[in-house]
Each structure stands twice: as structure tokens, then as C-alpha cells.
């Protein structure tokens, strides 16, 4: 594919179909050591990510526990556990 003067490219239909990219979908180009990847940011959420790394990059930094540890967050989320011996 060619890049236009405006820097635009056409995403091939088979790629759009596989990733669930429809008009209005948000995508991002991510540069890494292998080149650049197209990552679906928002669109058809019924589609599964192409691979774990793509999914991980798409959700990276999207959750903030406010500095709590995992145990502290779980207690905040679920409440104190009453099934443990208080010793």
C-alpha cells in the first residue's frame, strides 16, 4: 500500500474484518523493535485480540490502584475477610 501526501494509508479489508475495524473505530500505530503495528483501541469489542502482546499494549496503563498493593486492593474491593483466623 502507498502512503498519501497526508500520511494516510488504507487498511486492507481482510485486516479490517479480522480486527473488527469499522467506521468510527479508533486505531493506533505502535512502533517497536520489529517495525510498526496497528492496534485497535476502540471498536467492535466482540473480536479477540490478535495476540497477548497486542492486548497487553492496548490495556497498559489503563488501571490505577492508587498505590495499593494487590492484597490491599483486593481487601478494598471485597471487604475484609472473615474466614481467616485473626491471630
N, C-alpha and C. Protein backbone atom coordinates (compact mmCIF):
# COMPACT_ATOMS: atom_id res chain seq x y z
N UNK A 1 0.84 -1.18 0.00
CA UNK A 1 0.00 0.00 0.00
C UNK A 1 0.88 1.24 0.00
N UNK A 2 0.35 2.31 -0.46
CA UNK A 2 1.08 3.58 -0.51
C UNK A 2 0.55 4.53 0.55
N UNK A 3 1.44 5.36 1.00
CA UNK A 3 1.08 6.42 1.93
C UNK A 3 0.76 7.66 1.11
N UNK A 4 -0.38 8.31 1.40
CA UNK A 4 -0.76 9.51 0.66
C UNK A 4 0.07 10.70 1.12
N UNK A 5 -0.10 11.83 0.44
CA UNK A 5 0.61 13.05 0.83
C UNK A 5 0.24 13.47 2.24
N UNK A 6 -0.97 13.13 2.68
CA UNK A 6 -1.42 13.48 4.03
C UNK A 6 -0.96 12.45 5.07
N UNK A 7 -0.24 11.41 4.64
CA UNK A 7 0.22 10.38 5.55
C UNK A 7 -0.81 9.31 5.83
N UNK A 8 -1.83 9.23 4.98
CA UNK A 8 -2.89 8.25 5.18
C UNK A 8 -2.59 6.95 4.46
N UNK A 9 -3.09 5.85 5.04
CA UNK A 9 -2.99 4.54 4.40
C UNK A 9 -4.37 3.89 4.44
N UNK A 10 -4.60 2.96 3.53
CA UNK A 10 -5.84 2.19 3.53
C UNK A 10 -5.55 0.84 4.18
N UNK A 11 -6.32 0.51 5.21
CA UNK A 11 -6.17 -0.79 5.87
C UNK A 11 -6.89 -1.82 5.01
N UNK A 12 -6.20 -2.87 4.58
CA UNK A 12 -6.84 -3.87 3.73
C UNK A 12 -8.08 -4.48 4.40
N UNK A 13 -9.08 -4.82 3.57
CA UNK A 13 -10.36 -5.31 4.08
C UNK A 13 -10.21 -6.55 4.94
N UNK A 14 -9.35 -7.49 4.56
CA UNK A 14 -9.22 -8.70 5.37
C UNK A 14 -8.67 -8.40 6.77
N UNK A 15 -7.81 -7.40 6.88
CA UNK A 15 -7.30 -6.97 8.19
C UNK A 15 -8.41 -6.28 8.98
N UNK A 16 -9.17 -5.38 8.32
CA UNK A 16 -10.29 -4.71 8.99
C UNK A 16 -11.29 -5.74 9.51
N UNK A 17 -11.61 -6.73 8.69
CA UNK A 17 -12.56 -7.76 9.10
C UNK A 17 -12.03 -8.57 10.27
N UNK A 18 -10.77 -8.96 10.20
CA UNK A 18 -10.18 -9.79 11.27
C UNK A 18 -10.14 -9.06 12.60
N UNK A 19 -9.84 -7.76 12.57
CA UNK A 19 -9.74 -6.98 13.81
C UNK A 19 -11.05 -6.32 14.21
N UNK A 20 -12.06 -6.42 13.35
CA UNK A 20 -13.34 -5.78 13.67
C UNK A 20 -13.29 -4.27 13.55
N UNK A 21 -12.46 -3.78 12.65
CA UNK A 21 -12.34 -2.33 12.45
C UNK A 21 -13.47 -1.89 11.53
N UNK A 22 -14.29 -1.00 12.05
CA UNK A 22 -15.44 -0.47 11.31
C UNK A 22 -15.34 1.05 11.31
N UNK A 23 -16.13 1.73 10.48
CA UNK A 23 -16.10 3.19 10.52
C UNK A 23 -16.35 3.69 11.95
N UNK A 24 -15.49 4.58 12.40
CA UNK A 24 -15.59 5.10 13.76
C UNK A 24 -14.66 4.39 14.74
N UNK A 25 -14.07 3.27 14.33
CA UNK A 25 -13.11 2.58 15.21
C UNK A 25 -11.88 3.46 15.41
N UNK A 26 -11.27 3.34 16.57
CA UNK A 26 -10.03 4.06 16.84
C UNK A 26 -8.88 3.07 16.77
N UNK A 27 -7.84 3.43 16.03
CA UNK A 27 -6.66 2.59 15.91
C UNK A 27 -5.43 3.43 16.23
N UNK A 28 -4.35 2.75 16.52
CA UNK A 28 -3.09 3.42 16.81
C UNK A 28 -1.97 2.64 16.16
N UNK A 29 -0.97 3.34 15.65
CA UNK A 29 0.22 2.69 15.15
C UNK A 29 1.26 2.74 16.27
N UNK A 30 1.80 1.57 16.62
CA UNK A 30 2.77 1.46 17.71
C UNK A 30 4.08 0.99 17.13
N UNK A 31 5.14 1.77 17.37
CA UNK A 31 6.47 1.40 16.89
C UNK A 31 7.14 0.52 17.93
N UNK A 32 7.77 -0.57 17.47
CA UNK A 32 8.55 -1.43 18.35
C UNK A 32 9.79 -1.91 17.62
N UNK A 33 10.52 -2.85 18.22
CA UNK A 33 11.77 -3.30 17.61
C UNK A 33 11.57 -4.02 16.28
N UNK A 34 10.36 -4.49 16.00
CA UNK A 34 10.09 -5.20 14.75
C UNK A 34 9.57 -4.28 13.65
N UNK A 35 9.27 -3.04 13.96
CA UNK A 35 8.72 -2.10 12.98
C UNK A 35 7.57 -1.34 13.60
N UNK A 36 6.39 -1.43 12.97
CA UNK A 36 5.21 -0.77 13.49
C UNK A 36 4.03 -1.72 13.42
N UNK A 37 3.14 -1.60 14.40
CA UNK A 37 1.94 -2.44 14.45
C UNK A 37 0.71 -1.56 14.53
N UNK A 38 -0.36 -2.04 13.96
CA UNK A 38 -1.66 -1.38 14.05
C UNK A 38 -2.38 -2.00 15.24
N UNK A 39 -2.81 -1.17 16.19
CA UNK A 39 -3.50 -1.65 17.37
C UNK A 39 -4.89 -1.03 17.40
N UNK A 40 -5.91 -1.88 17.55
CA UNK A 40 -7.29 -1.41 17.67
C UNK A 40 -7.49 -0.89 19.08
N UNK A 41 -7.86 0.38 19.21
CA UNK A 41 -8.08 1.00 20.52
C UNK A 41 -9.54 0.86 20.92
N UNK A 42 -10.45 1.20 20.03
CA UNK A 42 -11.87 1.11 20.32
C UNK A 42 -12.60 0.72 19.04
N UNK A 43 -13.58 -0.07 19.18
CA UNK A 43 -14.34 -0.53 18.02
C UNK A 43 -15.21 -1.69 18.39
N UNK A 44 -15.24 -2.71 17.59
CA UNK A 44 -16.02 -3.91 17.84
C UNK A 44 -15.34 -4.71 18.95
N UNK A 45 -15.92 -4.72 20.15
CA UNK A 45 -15.30 -5.39 21.29
C UNK A 45 -15.54 -6.89 21.29
N UNK A 46 -16.29 -7.42 20.32
CA UNK A 46 -16.52 -8.86 20.25
C UNK A 46 -15.32 -9.60 19.68
N UNK A 47 -14.41 -8.88 19.02
CA UNK A 47 -13.25 -9.51 18.41
C UNK A 47 -12.20 -9.81 19.47
N UNK A 48 -11.51 -10.94 19.36
CA UNK A 48 -10.42 -11.28 20.27
C UNK A 48 -9.15 -10.63 19.75
N UNK A 49 -8.27 -10.20 20.66
CA UNK A 49 -7.02 -9.61 20.21
C UNK A 49 -6.20 -10.60 19.40
N UNK A 50 -5.41 -10.09 18.46
CA UNK A 50 -4.60 -10.95 17.60
C UNK A 50 -3.60 -11.76 18.42
N UNK A 51 -3.06 -11.19 19.45
CA UNK A 51 -2.15 -11.92 20.33
C UNK A 51 -2.10 -11.24 21.69
N UNK A 52 -1.51 -11.92 22.65
CA UNK A 52 -1.48 -11.40 24.01
C UNK A 52 -0.74 -10.08 24.10
N UNK A 53 0.38 -9.96 23.39
CA UNK A 53 1.16 -8.73 23.44
C UNK A 53 0.35 -7.53 22.96
N UNK A 54 -0.42 -7.70 21.90
CA UNK A 54 -1.26 -6.61 21.39
C UNK A 54 -2.30 -6.23 22.44
N UNK A 55 -2.90 -7.23 23.07
CA UNK A 55 -3.90 -6.95 24.12
C UNK A 55 -3.23 -6.22 25.28
N UNK A 56 -2.08 -6.72 25.71
CA UNK A 56 -1.39 -6.11 26.83
C UNK A 56 -1.05 -4.66 26.55
N UNK A 57 -0.55 -4.37 25.36
CA UNK A 57 -0.24 -2.98 24.99
C UNK A 57 -1.49 -2.12 24.95
N UNK A 58 -2.62 -2.71 24.56
CA UNK A 58 -3.85 -1.92 24.45
C UNK A 58 -4.42 -1.54 25.81
N UNK A 59 -4.13 -2.32 26.86
CA UNK A 59 -4.67 -2.02 28.19
C UNK A 59 -3.62 -1.47 29.15
N UNK A 60 -2.38 -1.42 28.71
CA UNK A 60 -1.30 -0.95 29.57
C UNK A 60 -1.57 0.46 30.07
N UNK A 61 -1.44 0.64 31.38
CA UNK A 61 -1.63 1.96 31.98
C UNK A 61 -3.07 2.38 32.15
N UNK A 62 -4.02 1.47 31.94
CA UNK A 62 -5.43 1.86 31.99
C UNK A 62 -6.05 1.60 33.36
N UNK A 63 -5.28 1.10 34.33
CA UNK A 63 -5.83 0.78 35.65
C UNK A 63 -4.90 1.33 36.72
N UNK A 64 -5.45 2.10 37.64
CA UNK A 64 -4.65 2.72 38.69
C UNK A 64 -5.20 2.29 40.04
N UNK A 65 -4.39 1.61 40.84
CA UNK A 65 -4.83 1.16 42.16
C UNK A 65 -4.55 2.21 43.24
N UNK A 66 -4.09 3.37 42.83
CA UNK A 66 -3.81 4.42 43.80
C UNK A 66 -2.66 4.08 44.73
N UNK A 67 -1.72 3.27 44.25
CA UNK A 67 -0.56 2.92 45.06
C UNK A 67 -0.79 1.73 45.99
N UNK A 68 -1.98 1.15 45.98
CA UNK A 68 -2.26 -0.01 46.84
C UNK A 68 -1.57 -1.25 46.29
N UNK A 69 -1.18 -2.14 47.21
CA UNK A 69 -0.66 -3.44 46.80
C UNK A 69 -1.84 -4.29 46.32
N UNK A 70 -1.54 -5.43 45.74
CA UNK A 70 -2.62 -6.33 45.29
C UNK A 70 -3.50 -6.73 46.45
N UNK A 71 -2.88 -7.12 47.59
CA UNK A 71 -3.67 -7.53 48.75
C UNK A 71 -4.52 -6.38 49.29
N UNK A 72 -3.95 -5.19 49.35
CA UNK A 72 -4.72 -4.03 49.82
C UNK A 72 -5.89 -3.74 48.88
N UNK A 73 -5.63 -3.81 47.57
CA UNK A 73 -6.70 -3.55 46.62
C UNK A 73 -7.81 -4.59 46.73
N UNK A 74 -7.44 -5.87 46.87
CA UNK A 74 -8.45 -6.92 46.99
C UNK A 74 -9.29 -6.73 48.26
N UNK A 75 -8.66 -6.32 49.36
CA UNK A 75 -9.42 -6.07 50.58
C UNK A 75 -10.34 -4.87 50.38
N UNK A 76 -9.86 -3.83 49.72
CA UNK A 76 -10.70 -2.67 49.44
C UNK A 76 -11.89 -3.06 48.55
N UNK A 77 -11.61 -3.90 47.56
CA UNK A 77 -12.64 -4.30 46.61
C UNK A 77 -13.67 -5.24 47.23
N UNK A 78 -13.20 -6.24 47.98
CA UNK A 78 -14.08 -7.28 48.52
C UNK A 78 -14.49 -7.06 49.97
N UNK A 79 -13.77 -6.21 50.68
CA UNK A 79 -14.02 -6.05 52.10
C UNK A 79 -13.12 -7.00 52.88
N UNK A 80 -13.07 -6.81 54.20
CA UNK A 80 -12.19 -7.67 54.99
C UNK A 80 -12.66 -9.12 54.96
N UNK A 81 -11.71 -10.04 55.05
CA UNK A 81 -12.04 -11.47 55.04
C UNK A 81 -12.37 -11.89 56.46
N UNK A 82 -13.49 -12.56 56.62
CA UNK A 82 -13.90 -13.04 57.94
C UNK A 82 -13.68 -14.54 58.09
N UNK A 83 -13.10 -15.16 57.07
CA UNK A 83 -12.87 -16.60 57.13
C UNK A 83 -11.43 -16.94 57.54
N UNK A 84 -10.64 -15.94 57.90
CA UNK A 84 -9.27 -16.17 58.32
C UNK A 84 -9.16 -16.07 59.84
N UNK A 85 -8.27 -16.87 60.42
CA UNK A 85 -8.02 -16.81 61.85
C UNK A 85 -7.36 -15.48 62.17
N UNK A 86 -7.89 -14.68 63.08
CA UNK A 86 -7.36 -13.33 63.33
C UNK A 86 -6.00 -13.31 64.03
N UNK A 87 -5.40 -14.46 64.35
CA UNK A 87 -4.11 -14.46 65.06
C UNK A 87 -3.14 -13.69 64.30
